[in-house]
Amino acid sequence: MKWFGKKKKEDISPESETVTRGLLIFADTGTVMRAEQILKEENYDIKVVSPPARYRTGCDLCVEFPLVEEPGIIRILKKLRSAPIEVVPESSNRLRPQKLCTVKDFGEYIMVRAANMKITVDKTTKRIVNISGGGCPDVPYLAYEMVGKSVLKAPKPSAIGHTLCAYALNTAHEELIELLESK
């Protein structure tokens, strides 16, 4: 029996969706960070996101990219030995990346979380009041160098740290600056 009512979103099969973005799945986070740098230098419209659950094996990241650019992206990454282990369209099997950053407003303070790293700022003074999360050995050093300083004048975490936690904190730091500057 055929139903002629309006289709619900969950009734639409992935095949009927227009797929425009894909995910580059890598073996480790270091390769993701290298791929991001390479692709941004080549002016590709990419962003690092948290992979869907079925592709997570720990502190994983993946790269979201326009599918139409796949041949060029793969060619560049293979040439520079940073090729992904898998490429998947975002909507295949309803695969969607998760936002890497979340924002929580506490009134006087605002906190941005990227992966397991969190940075909290006093909205009035724009001073960093707390950095927490992660499990990398440089987290205490990052906090020591940044807490108490203006979010705009504190060192970039990517400039003083070299771990996944530093990368995640850098992402949160950039998001926080963007939020504060837009207000």
Protein backbone atom coordinates (compact mmCIF):
# COMPACT_ATOMS: atom_id res chain seq x y z
CA MET A 1 0.00 0.00 0.00
CA LYS A 2 1.39 3.40 -0.98
CA TRP A 3 1.18 6.31 1.45
CA PHE A 4 0.73 9.77 -0.09
CA GLY A 5 1.27 11.91 2.99
CA LYS A 6 4.19 14.20 3.67
CA LYS A 7 7.47 12.33 4.20
CA LYS A 8 9.11 12.59 7.57
CA LYS A 9 12.85 13.21 7.72
CA GLU A 10 13.46 9.70 9.10
CA ASP A 11 11.50 8.20 6.16
CA ILE A 12 13.91 9.64 3.61
CA SER A 13 16.58 7.13 2.69
CA PRO A 14 20.20 8.24 2.46
CA GLU A 15 20.12 7.50 -1.28
CA SER A 16 17.52 10.23 -1.80
CA GLU A 17 19.62 12.86 0.00
CA THR A 18 22.02 15.06 -1.90
CA VAL A 19 25.41 14.25 -0.48
CA THR A 20 27.79 17.21 -0.68
CA ARG A 21 30.29 16.62 2.14
CA GLY A 22 32.41 13.71 3.20
CA LEU A 23 34.68 12.64 6.01
CA LEU A 24 38.34 11.71 5.77
CA ILE A 25 39.04 9.06 8.41
CA PHE A 26 42.65 8.77 9.54
CA ALA A 27 44.59 6.23 11.59
CA ASP A 28 45.78 8.75 14.18
CA THR A 29 45.27 12.33 15.28
CA GLY A 30 48.75 13.44 14.25
CA THR A 31 47.91 12.65 10.64
CA VAL A 32 44.62 14.57 10.96
CA MET A 33 46.51 17.63 12.18
CA ARG A 34 49.02 17.33 9.31
CA ALA A 35 46.22 16.88 6.77
CA GLU A 36 44.39 19.93 8.13
CA GLN A 37 47.50 22.09 7.77
CA ILE A 38 48.21 20.82 4.24
CA LEU A 39 44.62 21.27 3.03
CA LYS A 40 44.21 24.73 4.56
CA GLU A 41 47.47 25.82 2.91
CA GLU A 42 45.96 24.60 -0.39
CA ASN A 43 42.79 26.67 0.36
CA TYR A 44 40.38 23.73 0.64
CA ASP A 45 37.10 24.33 2.52
CA ILE A 46 37.65 21.80 5.29
CA LYS A 47 37.12 21.59 9.02
CA VAL A 48 38.22 19.18 11.70
CA VAL A 49 35.31 17.49 13.44
CA SER A 50 34.71 14.62 15.81
CA PRO A 51 33.97 11.45 13.84
CA PRO A 52 30.72 9.48 14.11
CA ALA A 53 30.78 6.87 16.88
CA ARG A 54 31.47 3.93 14.56
CA TYR A 55 34.80 5.51 13.53
CA ARG A 56 36.04 6.43 17.01
CA THR A 57 38.87 4.52 18.62
CA GLY A 58 39.94 7.04 21.26
CA CYS A 59 40.80 10.73 20.97
CA ASP A 60 39.96 10.74 17.27
CA LEU A 61 39.35 13.55 14.86
CA CYS A 62 38.42 13.51 11.20
CA VAL A 63 38.32 16.05 8.38
CA GLU A 64 35.03 17.15 6.83
CA PHE A 65 35.41 18.25 3.20
CA PRO A 66 33.39 18.97 0.03
CA LEU A 67 32.97 15.65 -1.82
CA VAL A 68 33.46 17.35 -5.18
CA GLU A 69 37.06 18.07 -4.09
CA GLU A 70 37.86 14.44 -3.19
CA PRO A 71 40.18 13.60 -6.13
CA GLY A 72 42.38 16.66 -5.60
CA ILE A 73 42.45 16.27 -1.82
CA ILE A 74 43.36 12.58 -1.98
CA ARG A 75 46.07 13.23 -4.59
CA ILE A 76 47.71 15.92 -2.42
CA LEU A 77 47.49 13.87 0.78
CA LYS A 78 48.90 10.71 -0.86
CA LYS A 79 51.76 12.69 -2.36
CA LEU A 80 52.61 14.05 1.10
CA ARG A 81 52.09 10.66 2.81
CA SER A 82 49.10 11.79 4.84
CA ALA A 83 46.39 9.80 3.09
CA PRO A 84 43.23 8.82 4.98
CA ILE A 85 42.43 5.18 5.70
CA GLU A 86 38.83 5.72 4.57
CA VAL A 87 36.64 8.31 2.86
CA VAL A 88 32.92 8.27 3.60
CA PRO A 89 30.04 10.48 2.44
CA GLU A 90 28.46 12.15 5.46
CA SER A 91 24.99 10.82 4.86
CA SER A 92 25.87 7.21 4.11
CA ASN A 93 24.14 5.21 6.84
CA ARG A 94 23.16 8.52 8.40
CA LEU A 95 26.78 9.29 9.30
CA ARG A 96 27.16 12.79 10.63
CA PRO A 97 30.18 14.27 12.35
CA GLN A 98 29.76 15.76 15.77
CA LYS A 99 30.51 19.37 16.56
CA LEU A 100 33.97 19.67 18.01
CA CYS A 101 33.11 22.77 20.09
CA THR A 102 30.27 23.38 22.51
CA VAL A 103 29.60 26.62 24.36
CA LYS A 104 28.15 27.03 27.84
CA ASP A 105 27.19 30.45 29.18
CA PHE A 106 27.33 30.72 32.97
CA GLY A 107 26.25 34.37 33.12
CA GLU A 108 29.44 36.03 34.30
CA TYR A 109 31.59 33.36 32.61
CA ILE A 110 31.59 31.59 29.28
CA MET A 111 33.14 28.16 28.68
CA VAL A 112 34.05 26.58 25.36
CA ARG A 113 34.73 22.87 25.17
CA ALA A 114 36.57 21.19 22.29
CA ALA A 115 36.90 17.43 22.63
CA ASN A 116 37.86 16.99 26.32
CA MET A 117 39.52 20.39 26.76
CA LYS A 118 37.69 23.34 28.33
CA ILE A 119 38.59 27.01 28.57
CA THR A 120 36.56 29.41 30.73
CA VAL A 121 36.69 33.20 30.52
CA ASP A 122 35.27 36.06 32.57
CA LYS A 123 33.02 37.84 30.06
CA THR A 124 33.65 41.29 31.57
CA THR A 125 37.46 41.23 31.81
CA LYS A 126 38.02 38.64 29.05
CA ARG A 127 40.57 36.97 31.33
CA ILE A 128 41.00 33.21 31.27
CA VAL A 129 39.90 31.87 34.67
CA ASN A 130 40.23 28.12 34.07
CA ILE A 131 41.60 25.50 31.71
CA SER A 132 40.75 21.88 32.35
CA GLY A 133 40.27 18.46 30.82
CA GLY A 134 42.34 16.17 28.67
CA GLY A 135 44.98 13.79 29.83
CA CYS A 136 48.05 14.93 27.95
CA PRO A 137 51.21 15.79 29.86
CA ASP A 138 51.25 19.42 28.67
CA VAL A 139 47.81 20.41 30.07
CA PRO A 140 49.21 21.80 33.36
CA TYR A 141 51.80 23.79 31.41
CA LEU A 142 49.13 25.16 29.04
CA ALA A 143 47.02 26.23 32.04
CA TYR A 144 50.06 27.79 33.75
CA GLU A 145 50.88 29.86 30.65
CA MET A 146 47.31 30.97 29.92
CA VAL A 147 45.19 31.31 33.10
CA GLY A 148 44.99 34.88 34.35
CA LYS A 149 45.80 36.39 30.96
CA SER A 150 43.46 38.09 28.52
CA VAL A 151 42.07 35.57 26.04
CA LEU A 152 43.25 37.93 23.29
CA LYS A 153 46.83 38.18 24.63
CA ALA A 154 47.41 34.67 25.96
CA PRO A 155 49.73 32.48 23.90
CA LYS A 156 48.06 30.24 21.32
CA PRO A 157 47.95 26.70 22.71
CA SER A 158 49.22 25.35 19.39
CA ALA A 159 52.31 27.54 19.74
CA ILE A 160 53.26 26.24 23.20
CA GLY A 161 51.87 22.67 23.18
CA HIS A 162 52.25 19.77 20.77
CA THR A 163 49.67 17.20 21.84
CA LEU A 164 46.07 16.44 20.94
CA CYS A 165 45.01 18.32 24.09
CA ALA A 166 46.90 21.41 22.90
CA TYR A 167 45.21 21.08 19.52
CA ALA A 168 41.76 20.77 21.11
CA LEU A 169 42.45 23.69 23.46
CA ASN A 170 43.62 25.77 20.49
CA THR A 171 40.33 25.01 18.73
CA ALA A 172 38.36 26.07 21.82
CA HIS A 173 40.54 29.18 22.22
CA GLU A 174 39.89 30.24 18.59
CA GLU A 175 36.14 29.63 19.00
CA LEU A 176 36.12 31.69 22.20
CA ILE A 177 37.91 34.62 20.53
CA GLU A 178 35.44 34.50 17.65
CA LEU A 179 32.51 34.49 20.10
CA LEU A 180 33.85 37.41 22.12
CA GLU A 181 34.69 39.47 19.05
CA SER A 182 31.21 38.95 17.58
CA LYS A 183 29.55 40.50 20.65
